[in-house]
Amino acid sequence: MSEIKLDNQTVKILNSIQEGIYIIDKEFKIVFINDAAAKIVGVMPDNLFGKLCFNFCKSDRCEIGCPISEVLRSDTTIKNLETTLQSFNEKIIPIKLNASLLKNDSDEPIGGIISFSKISKIDFIESEKNQQNFYGIIGRTKGMTKIYKSVMEISSSDVPVLITGETGTGKEMVANAIHKSSQRTNKIFVKVNCSALNGELLESELFGHVRGAFTGAFKDRIGRFEYANGGTIFLDEIGEIPMPLQSKLLRILQDGTFERLGETKQRKVNVRVISATNIDINQAIENKSFRKDLYYRLNTIHFHIPPLRERKSDIYFLANYFATKYAKKYQKKISMISSEVLNILLNYNWEGNVRELESVIEYSIIHAKREDYIGVCCLPDYLKTNSETECPEQQMNLAKKEKKDNLLLLLRQNNWNKTKVAKILGVNRSTIYRQIKEIHAK
């Protein structure tokens, strides 16, 4: 029996508020939801009393960091957390929420209260951009922002998506973002590299086989499509699928039916298909190595990921993100990248795109001679010129000046918002205060 009791006057007040509000007990069961919350989610309030909250508010935070769990665990208040929830008609809704602890007269926790309001998809995208990532994708350029917007626009649809772009541009990350923002977000996401296997082995991988279907098939095996039933399958390197298999793939896209290799029994699945390729599919169609009708099915929605050389202003954010990631991995206190290194990174062509940049930063962190910054000497040899191969140990004062100038520039660009600058640099806010104090002391 819940300890939480609401009188009629309190209920009237809560129902007059335009924000969605719901109250749960310590067992995560709904004690009350107001009219605004019920309207946003699309359900009658009376149907929810006593139900578990995650059946009502299917937020993308439920599995990775439940706000109510955090509030109950740490006795803290969560403010203005931007996330998404799934309505009863499976529509993805961007929201901003607050969460607080409820206590009884003895100051003991008895539950929690959540308030939330809808925000526009554009506001949600801008928020993700300001946090320098969108479902793990780093980038602020117009081309990347357009992709973020398109991902949110198709979040309530279930159509096939084709992602094109050079090797290393992040096609798999975009596929993951499409899945995470979709109505299948809580279902399985299955990845298949279509270039890794050929012929019967690839057919078996995708559609499964029965015992004796080929040499070595000692028992029945389900394929990746069956495994992904209800969720999303990501077919990477789709352009490498042999022609005989393409007709089978076309059929499953048309009506969801297929047979396992070696059997005649028809099976049916409900799978959302996202595919990716780094080849020119139109050229493959001309060369008769890819079916035009399959291309039309796969290409219902098309995303093209720009190469890194066309979004060079993202290199700064990507480099700092990877530097923070690998400094943590290798337990180094790297707090900046020298201006010489940034100039080299900005002027390089990046044929391997983001994947190559990540490898370069990881290499540089491993080879860093100093603990506080990445200098030219840390870079792989192919990125150095003859005048840049010398390790800048003798340039300590220059490095310190660069560090100070870099900090002051970021502070000015961000209206002296120290929290934001700390986030950009991947350090604690106290570090920023200490560095400012050191600058004033000099």
Protein backbone atom coordinates (compact mmCIF):
# COMPACT_ATOMS: atom_id res chain seq x y z
CA MET A 1 0.00 0.00 0.00
CA SER A 2 1.49 3.35 -1.07
CA GLU A 3 2.27 5.96 1.58
CA ILE A 4 1.60 8.73 -0.94
CA LYS A 5 -1.84 10.29 -0.56
CA LEU A 6 -3.16 13.29 -2.52
CA ASP A 7 -6.20 15.30 -1.46
CA ASN A 8 -8.69 16.70 -3.98
CA GLN A 9 -7.25 20.22 -3.82
CA THR A 10 -3.74 18.96 -4.64
CA VAL A 11 -5.10 16.90 -7.56
CA LYS A 12 -6.89 19.97 -8.94
CA ILE A 13 -3.72 22.04 -8.69
CA LEU A 14 -1.60 19.38 -10.41
CA ASN A 15 -4.18 18.98 -13.19
CA SER A 16 -4.15 22.73 -13.82
CA ILE A 17 -0.41 22.69 -14.58
CA GLN A 18 0.53 22.60 -18.27
CA GLU A 19 3.59 20.43 -17.70
CA GLY A 20 3.20 16.67 -17.55
CA ILE A 21 3.49 15.37 -13.98
CA TYR A 22 3.47 11.88 -12.57
CA ILE A 23 4.21 10.54 -9.11
CA ILE A 24 5.52 7.07 -8.29
CA ASP A 25 6.10 5.12 -5.10
CA LYS A 26 9.33 3.34 -4.09
CA GLU A 27 8.34 0.31 -6.18
CA PHE A 28 8.19 2.49 -9.32
CA LYS A 29 4.40 2.14 -9.50
CA ILE A 30 2.34 5.10 -10.66
CA VAL A 31 0.37 6.80 -7.89
CA PHE A 32 -0.80 9.80 -9.93
CA ILE A 33 -0.47 11.35 -13.38
CA ASN A 34 -1.96 14.68 -14.34
CA ASP A 35 -4.05 15.47 -17.41
CA ALA A 36 -1.16 17.11 -19.28
CA ALA A 37 1.05 14.01 -18.93
CA ALA A 38 -1.74 11.72 -20.08
CA LYS A 39 -2.38 13.95 -23.10
CA ILE A 40 1.30 14.04 -24.12
CA VAL A 41 1.63 10.27 -23.91
CA GLY A 42 -1.83 9.56 -25.33
CA VAL A 43 -3.53 7.45 -22.65
CA MET A 44 -6.33 7.74 -20.09
CA PRO A 45 -4.95 8.42 -16.57
CA ASP A 46 -7.24 5.87 -14.88
CA ASN A 47 -5.60 3.07 -16.90
CA LEU A 48 -2.18 3.72 -15.35
CA PHE A 49 -2.65 3.77 -11.58
CA GLY A 50 -0.61 0.99 -9.99
CA LYS A 51 1.28 0.27 -13.23
CA LEU A 52 5.09 0.35 -13.42
CA CYS A 53 6.31 3.73 -14.63
CA PHE A 54 8.45 2.41 -17.49
CA ASN A 55 5.28 0.99 -19.07
CA PHE A 56 3.97 4.55 -19.17
CA CYS A 57 7.06 6.64 -19.82
CA LYS A 58 9.34 4.65 -22.11
CA SER A 59 12.20 7.10 -22.03
CA ASP A 60 15.52 6.46 -23.72
CA ARG A 61 16.99 6.99 -20.23
CA CYS A 62 15.19 3.98 -18.71
CA GLU A 63 18.01 1.53 -19.45
CA ILE A 64 21.06 3.80 -19.30
CA GLY A 65 20.25 5.94 -16.27
CA CYS A 66 16.71 6.03 -14.90
CA PRO A 67 16.10 9.53 -13.44
CA ILE A 68 13.92 8.22 -10.60
CA SER A 69 16.48 5.54 -9.71
CA GLU A 70 19.17 8.22 -9.58
CA VAL A 71 17.00 10.45 -7.39
CA LEU A 72 16.15 7.61 -4.97
CA ARG A 73 19.78 6.44 -4.85
CA SER A 74 21.52 9.76 -4.35
CA ASP A 75 18.82 12.04 -2.87
CA THR A 76 19.51 14.61 -5.58
CA THR A 77 17.28 16.61 -7.90
CA ILE A 78 17.53 16.28 -11.68
CA LYS A 79 16.82 19.47 -13.63
CA ASN A 80 16.21 20.11 -17.34
CA LEU A 81 17.32 16.70 -18.58
CA GLU A 82 16.65 16.56 -22.32
CA THR A 83 15.67 13.12 -23.57
CA THR A 84 12.90 11.38 -25.51
CA LEU A 85 9.93 9.23 -24.56
CA GLN A 86 7.79 6.86 -26.57
CA SER A 87 4.04 7.53 -26.62
CA PHE A 88 1.37 4.83 -26.63
CA ASN A 89 1.07 5.16 -30.43
CA GLU A 90 4.86 4.57 -30.54
CA LYS A 91 5.70 8.13 -31.54
CA ILE A 92 9.08 9.41 -30.31
CA ILE A 93 8.64 12.70 -28.41
CA PRO A 94 11.57 14.96 -27.40
CA ILE A 95 11.05 16.20 -23.81
CA LYS A 96 12.74 18.11 -21.02
CA LEU A 97 12.24 16.60 -17.56
CA ASN A 98 12.85 17.25 -13.88
CA ALA A 99 12.90 14.61 -11.13
CA SER A 100 12.71 15.05 -7.36
CA LEU A 101 12.47 12.86 -4.27
CA LEU A 102 9.28 12.65 -2.18
CA LYS A 103 9.66 12.19 1.59
CA ASN A 104 7.27 11.56 4.48
CA ASP A 105 7.05 13.49 7.77
CA SER A 106 9.98 11.46 9.11
CA ASP A 107 12.14 12.63 6.19
CA GLU A 108 12.20 9.12 4.72
CA PRO A 109 11.97 8.65 0.93
CA ILE A 110 8.58 7.33 -0.18
CA GLY A 111 8.77 7.88 -3.94
CA GLY A 112 9.52 10.41 -6.64
CA ILE A 113 7.90 13.05 -8.82
CA ILE A 114 8.65 13.67 -12.49
CA SER A 115 7.61 16.77 -14.41
CA PHE A 116 8.17 17.04 -18.13
CA SER A 117 7.27 19.13 -21.15
CA LYS A 118 7.58 18.64 -24.87
CA ILE A 119 10.33 20.45 -26.73
CA SER A 120 10.63 20.91 -30.48
CA LYS A 121 12.76 18.53 -32.49
CA ILE A 122 14.91 21.51 -33.52
CA ASP A 123 15.52 22.43 -29.86
CA PHE A 124 16.41 18.80 -29.15
CA ILE A 125 18.86 18.78 -32.06
CA GLU A 126 20.40 22.09 -30.91
CA SER A 127 20.78 20.67 -27.41
CA GLU A 128 22.53 17.57 -28.74
CA LYS A 129 24.73 19.78 -30.91
CA ASN A 130 25.71 21.95 -27.95
CA GLN A 131 26.72 18.80 -26.11
CA GLN A 132 28.95 18.15 -29.17
CA ASN A 133 27.36 14.82 -29.97
CA PHE A 134 24.14 13.39 -31.33
CA TYR A 135 23.68 9.77 -30.25
CA GLY A 136 27.48 9.55 -30.08
CA ILE A 137 28.11 11.35 -33.40
CA ILE A 138 30.47 14.33 -33.07
CA GLY A 139 29.98 17.32 -35.36
CA ARG A 140 28.51 20.82 -35.64
CA THR A 141 28.79 21.58 -39.36
CA LYS A 142 25.70 22.23 -41.49
CA GLY A 143 26.04 18.87 -43.22
CA MET A 144 26.02 16.98 -39.93
CA THR A 145 23.23 19.11 -38.43
CA LYS A 146 21.12 18.32 -41.51
CA ILE A 147 21.67 14.60 -40.81
CA TYR A 148 20.63 15.01 -37.15
CA LYS A 149 17.46 16.81 -38.25
CA SER A 150 16.64 14.12 -40.82
CA VAL A 151 17.16 11.35 -38.25
CA MET A 152 14.60 12.97 -35.95
CA GLU A 153 12.19 13.61 -38.85
CA ILE A 154 12.02 9.89 -39.69
CA SER A 155 11.95 8.73 -36.05
CA SER A 156 8.28 7.72 -36.24
CA SER A 157 8.62 5.90 -39.59
CA ASP A 158 9.80 2.37 -40.27
CA VAL A 159 10.98 2.55 -43.88
CA PRO A 160 14.31 1.21 -45.23
CA VAL A 161 17.26 3.61 -45.12
CA LEU A 162 20.39 3.61 -47.30
CA ILE A 163 23.49 5.35 -45.94
CA THR A 164 26.31 6.22 -48.33
CA GLY A 165 29.73 7.68 -47.68
CA GLU A 166 33.43 6.96 -47.80
CA THR A 167 35.11 4.43 -45.52
CA GLY A 168 35.48 5.74 -41.98
CA THR A 169 32.88 8.52 -42.16
CA GLY A 170 30.67 7.00 -39.47
CA LYS A 171 27.91 5.23 -41.40
CA GLU A 172 27.41 2.66 -38.64
CA MET A 173 27.03 5.41 -36.03
CA VAL A 174 24.33 7.08 -38.14
CA ALA A 175 22.58 3.70 -38.48
CA ASN A 176 22.72 3.33 -34.70
CA ALA A 177 21.27 6.85 -34.24
CA ILE A 178 18.40 6.01 -36.60
CA HIS A 179 17.64 2.88 -34.59
CA LYS A 180 17.99 4.60 -31.19
CA SER A 181 15.62 7.42 -32.19
CA SER A 182 13.05 5.08 -33.75
CA GLN A 183 10.04 3.27 -32.32
CA ARG A 184 12.20 0.11 -32.26
CA THR A 185 14.72 1.67 -29.87
CA ASN A 186 14.09 -0.95 -27.17
CA LYS A 187 14.39 -3.83 -29.65
CA ILE A 188 17.52 -5.56 -30.95
CA PHE A 189 19.97 -3.89 -33.36
CA VAL A 190 21.80 -6.51 -35.45
CA LYS A 191 24.88 -5.67 -37.55
CA VAL A 192 26.05 -7.71 -40.55
CA ASN A 193 29.17 -7.06 -42.66
CA CYS A 194 28.10 -8.27 -46.10
CA SER A 195 31.67 -8.23 -47.45
CA ALA A 196 33.00 -10.64 -44.81
CA LEU A 197 31.36 -13.77 -46.29
CA ASN A 198 30.57 -15.05 -49.75
CA GLY A 199 28.00 -17.29 -51.43
CA GLU A 200 26.34 -19.92 -49.27
CA LEU A 201 28.02 -18.70 -46.10
CA LEU A 202 26.53 -15.21 -46.50
CA GLU A 203 23.12 -16.64 -47.37
CA SER A 204 23.29 -18.82 -44.25
CA GLU A 205 24.39 -15.84 -42.16
CA LEU A 206 21.44 -13.73 -43.34
CA PHE A 207 18.66 -16.28 -43.66
CA GLY A 208 19.84 -19.33 -41.69
CA HIS A 209 20.08 -22.95 -42.79
CA VAL A 210 18.79 -26.42 -41.96
CA ARG A 211 20.91 -29.43 -41.12
CA GLY A 212 22.62 -30.86 -44.21
CA ALA A 213 22.09 -27.76 -46.35
CA PHE A 214 25.81 -27.75 -47.19
CA THR A 215 29.04 -29.39 -46.07
CA GLY A 216 29.56 -28.59 -42.40
CA ALA A 217 25.89 -27.77 -41.70
CA PHE A 218 25.52 -30.23 -38.82
CA LYS A 219 22.47 -28.59 -37.23
CA ASP A 220 19.75 -26.03 -37.92
CA ARG A 221 20.76 -22.39 -37.48
CA ILE A 222 18.66 -19.23 -37.52
CA GLY A 223 19.87 -16.34 -39.64
CA ARG A 224 20.43 -12.70 -38.72
CA PHE A 225 17.03 -11.65 -40.08
CA GLU A 226 15.25 -14.06 -37.73
CA TYR A 227 17.48 -12.95 -34.87
CA ALA A 228 16.57 -9.31 -35.61
CA ASN A 229 12.81 -10.00 -35.74
CA GLY A 230 10.97 -7.04 -34.23
CA GLY A 231 14.10 -4.87 -34.32
CA THR A 232 16.52 -3.42 -36.84
CA ILE A 233 19.13 -5.06 -39.06
CA PHE A 234 22.09 -3.05 -40.36
CA LEU A 235 23.57 -4.43 -43.58
CA ASP A 236 27.01 -2.85 -43.97
CA GLU A 237 28.78 -3.04 -47.35
CA ILE A 238 25.45 -3.86 -49.04
CA GLY A 239 27.05 -3.33 -52.44
CA GLU A 240 29.10 -6.51 -51.96
CA ILE A 241 26.09 -8.89 -51.85
CA PRO A 242 26.24 -11.38 -54.78
CA MET A 243 23.51 -11.07 -57.43
CA PRO A 244 21.85 -14.45 -56.60
CA LEU A 245 21.30 -13.29 -53.01
CA GLN A 246 19.93 -9.91 -54.04
CA SER A 247 16.63 -11.38 -55.22
CA LYS A 248 16.14 -13.06 -51.83
CA LEU A 249 16.90 -9.78 -50.07
CA LEU A 250 14.42 -7.97 -52.35
CA ARG A 251 11.71 -10.43 -51.37
CA ILE A 252 12.21 -9.96 -47.64
CA LEU A 253 12.06 -6.19 -48.15
CA GLN A 254 8.80 -6.54 -50.08
CA ASP A 255 6.81 -8.85 -47.81
CA GLY A 256 9.09 -10.03 -44.99
CA THR A 257 9.16 -13.65 -46.20
CA PHE A 258 12.11 -15.99 -46.83
CA GLU A 259 13.27 -19.60 -46.54
CA ARG A 260 16.29 -20.88 -44.70
CA LEU A 261 19.00 -22.34 -46.89
CA GLY A 262 18.10 -25.96 -47.70
CA GLU A 263 14.38 -25.82 -46.85
CA THR A 264 11.09 -24.95 -48.57
CA LYS A 265 9.15 -23.76 -45.52
CA GLN A 266 8.25 -20.09 -45.81
CA ARG A 267 9.03 -17.91 -42.81
CA LYS A 268 8.08 -14.31 -42.05
CA VAL A 269 9.77 -11.58 -40.02
CA ASN A 270 9.15 -7.95 -39.12
CA VAL A 271 12.52 -6.21 -39.45
CA ARG A 272 13.52 -2.62 -40.22
CA VAL A 273 16.39 -2.63 -42.75
CA ILE A 274 19.18 -0.04 -42.72
CA SER A 275 21.98 -0.56 -45.23
CA ALA A 276 25.25 1.19 -46.01
CA THR A 277 27.85 1.25 -48.76
CA ASN A 278 30.98 3.12 -49.76
CA ILE A 279 30.67 2.25 -53.47
CA ASP A 280 28.81 4.08 -56.24
CA ILE A 281 25.59 2.04 -56.41
CA ASN A 282 24.50 3.71 -59.66
CA GLN A 283 27.77 2.60 -61.25
CA ALA A 284 27.21 -0.91 -59.88
CA ILE A 285 23.74 -0.92 -61.48
CA GLU A 286 25.28 0.12 -64.81
CA ASN A 287 27.84 -2.67 -64.45
CA LYS A 288 24.99 -5.18 -63.84
CA SER A 289 26.39 -6.08 -60.41
CA PHE A 290 23.51 -4.58 -58.43
CA ARG A 291 19.77 -4.82 -59.05
CA LYS A 292 17.99 -1.55 -59.77
CA ASP A 293 14.74 -2.72 -58.12
CA LEU A 294 16.63 -3.67 -54.95
CA TYR A 295 18.29 -0.24 -54.93
CA TYR A 296 14.89 1.46 -55.09
CA ARG A 297 13.66 -0.61 -52.14
CA LEU A 298 16.73 0.08 -50.02
CA ASN A 299 16.86 3.77 -50.94
CA THR A 300 13.44 4.84 -49.63
CA ILE A 301 15.30 7.26 -47.35
CA HIS A 302 18.88 8.24 -48.23
CA PHE A 303 21.60 9.67 -46.01
CA HIS A 304 24.98 10.73 -47.39
CA ILE A 305 27.73 11.22 -44.81
CA PRO A 306 30.19 13.92 -45.91
CA PRO A 307 33.92 13.07 -45.78
CA LEU A 308 35.98 14.70 -43.05
CA ARG A 309 37.80 16.95 -45.54
CA GLU A 310 34.43 18.62 -46.26
CA ARG A 311 33.70 19.33 -42.58
CA LYS A 312 37.09 20.43 -41.30
CA SER A 313 35.62 22.67 -38.61
CA ASP A 314 34.55 19.46 -36.86
CA ILE A 315 38.17 18.28 -36.60
CA TYR A 316 38.78 20.42 -33.49
CA PHE A 317 35.83 18.84 -31.64
CA LEU A 318 36.60 15.33 -32.87
CA ALA A 319 40.28 15.59 -31.93
CA ASN A 320 39.46 16.85 -28.42
CA TYR A 321 36.79 14.18 -27.97
CA PHE A 322 39.21 11.40 -28.96
CA ALA A 323 42.01 12.94 -26.86
CA THR A 324 39.77 12.87 -23.78
CA LYS A 325 38.65 9.32 -24.57
CA TYR A 326 42.15 7.88 -24.97
CA ALA A 327 43.76 9.97 -22.22
CA LYS A 328 41.28 8.31 -19.88
CA LYS A 329 41.94 4.88 -21.38
CA TYR A 330 45.73 5.19 -21.02
CA GLN A 331 45.54 7.12 -17.72
CA LYS A 332 47.21 10.30 -18.97
CA LYS A 333 46.32 13.87 -18.01
CA ILE A 334 46.25 15.39 -21.49
CA SER A 335 44.44 18.75 -21.34
CA MET A 336 45.23 20.30 -24.74
CA ILE A 337 46.41 19.77 -28.30
CA SER A 338 49.09 22.19 -29.50
CA SER A 339 48.23 24.70 -32.24
CA GLU A 340 50.92 23.16 -34.49
CA VAL A 341 49.23 19.78 -34.21
CA LEU A 342 45.80 21.30 -34.89
CA ASN A 343 47.17 23.05 -37.99
CA ILE A 344 48.58 19.74 -39.24
CA LEU A 345 45.26 17.99 -38.59
CA LEU A 346 43.31 20.76 -40.34
CA ASN A 347 45.54 20.71 -43.42
CA TYR A 348 45.65 16.93 -43.85
CA ASN A 349 43.34 15.32 -46.44
CA TRP A 350 42.01 12.45 -44.22
CA GLU A 351 41.38 9.77 -46.81
CA GLY A 352 40.50 7.45 -43.92
CA ASN A 353 38.12 10.08 -42.50
CA VAL A 354 37.04 10.04 -38.83
CA ARG A 355 38.38 6.53 -38.28
CA GLU A 356 41.86 7.64 -39.36
CA LEU A 357 41.70 10.75 -37.16
CA GLU A 358 40.75 8.61 -34.18
CA SER A 359 43.72 6.31 -34.83
CA VAL A 360 46.07 9.31 -35.08
CA ILE A 361 44.87 10.74 -31.76
CA GLU A 362 45.13 7.37 -30.01
CA TYR A 363 48.69 6.96 -31.37
CA SER A 364 49.54 10.49 -30.17
CA ILE A 365 48.20 9.87 -26.66
CA ILE A 366 50.23 6.66 -26.39
CA HIS A 367 53.41 8.42 -27.56
CA ALA A 368 52.92 11.67 -25.62
CA LYS A 369 56.24 12.58 -23.98
CA ARG A 370 54.58 15.12 -21.70
CA GLU A 371 51.54 14.60 -19.53
CA ASP A 372 49.57 17.76 -20.30
CA TYR A 373 49.42 18.20 -24.09
CA ILE A 374 49.89 16.59 -27.49
CA GLY A 375 52.86 18.03 -29.39
CA VAL A 376 54.08 17.45 -32.94
CA CYS A 377 56.53 14.80 -31.78
CA CYS A 378 53.60 12.63 -30.71
CA LEU A 379 52.16 12.36 -34.23
CA PRO A 380 52.77 9.43 -36.61
CA ASP A 381 55.74 10.08 -38.90
CA TYR A 382 53.62 10.44 -42.05
CA LEU A 383 51.99 13.58 -40.61
CA LYS A 384 55.28 15.33 -39.82
CA THR A 385 57.42 17.48 -42.12
CA ASN A 386 61.21 17.75 -41.74
CA SER A 387 60.84 20.96 -39.74
CA GLU A 388 58.29 19.40 -37.42
CA THR A 389 59.97 16.16 -36.38
CA GLU A 390 61.76 17.67 -33.39
CA CYS A 391 60.05 17.01 -30.10
CA PRO A 392 59.06 20.36 -28.54
CA GLU A 393 60.53 19.75 -25.10
CA GLN A 394 62.46 23.01 -25.54
CA GLN A 395 59.23 24.86 -26.30
CA MET A 396 57.77 24.67 -22.78
CA ASN A 397 57.08 28.39 -22.52
CA LEU A 398 55.45 28.44 -25.93
CA ALA A 399 53.26 25.50 -24.99
CA LYS A 400 52.19 27.25 -21.79
CA LYS A 401 51.39 30.41 -23.74
CA GLU A 402 49.36 28.38 -26.23
CA LYS A 403 47.48 26.75 -23.39
CA LYS A 404 46.67 30.14 -21.86
CA ASP A 405 45.67 31.68 -25.21
CA ASN A 406 43.54 28.65 -26.05
CA LEU A 407 41.73 28.88 -22.69
CA LEU A 408 41.11 32.64 -23.00
CA LEU A 409 39.84 32.23 -26.56
CA LEU A 410 37.38 29.51 -25.53
CA LEU A 411 36.19 31.58 -22.56
CA ARG A 412 35.54 34.60 -24.80
CA GLN A 413 33.78 32.46 -27.44
CA ASN A 414 31.51 30.97 -24.77
CA ASN A 415 30.73 34.20 -22.85
CA TRP A 416 32.99 33.13 -19.98
CA ASN A 417 30.79 30.12 -19.26
CA LYS A 418 33.33 28.04 -17.34
CA THR A 419 31.12 24.94 -17.18
CA LYS A 420 30.78 24.90 -20.98
CA VAL A 421 34.51 25.46 -21.53
CA ALA A 422 35.34 22.66 -19.07
CA LYS A 423 33.09 20.34 -21.06
CA ILE A 424 34.74 21.31 -24.37
CA LEU A 425 38.21 20.66 -22.92
CA GLY A 426 37.10 17.49 -21.13
CA VAL A 427 38.25 18.68 -17.69
CA ASN A 428 36.60 19.48 -14.36
CA ARG A 429 35.28 22.99 -13.78
CA SER A 430 37.69 23.33 -10.84
CA THR A 431 40.58 22.91 -13.31
CA ILE A 432 39.31 25.89 -15.33
CA TYR A 433 39.08 28.03 -12.17
CA ARG A 434 42.63 27.01 -11.19
CA GLN A 435 44.00 27.86 -14.66
CA ILE A 436 42.27 31.27 -14.61
CA LYS A 437 43.77 31.93 -11.18
CA GLU A 438 47.25 31.02 -12.50
CA ILE A 439 46.80 33.42 -15.43
CA HIS A 440 45.82 36.31 -13.12
CA ALA A 441 48.73 35.52 -10.79
CA LYS A 442 51.12 36.16 -13.67
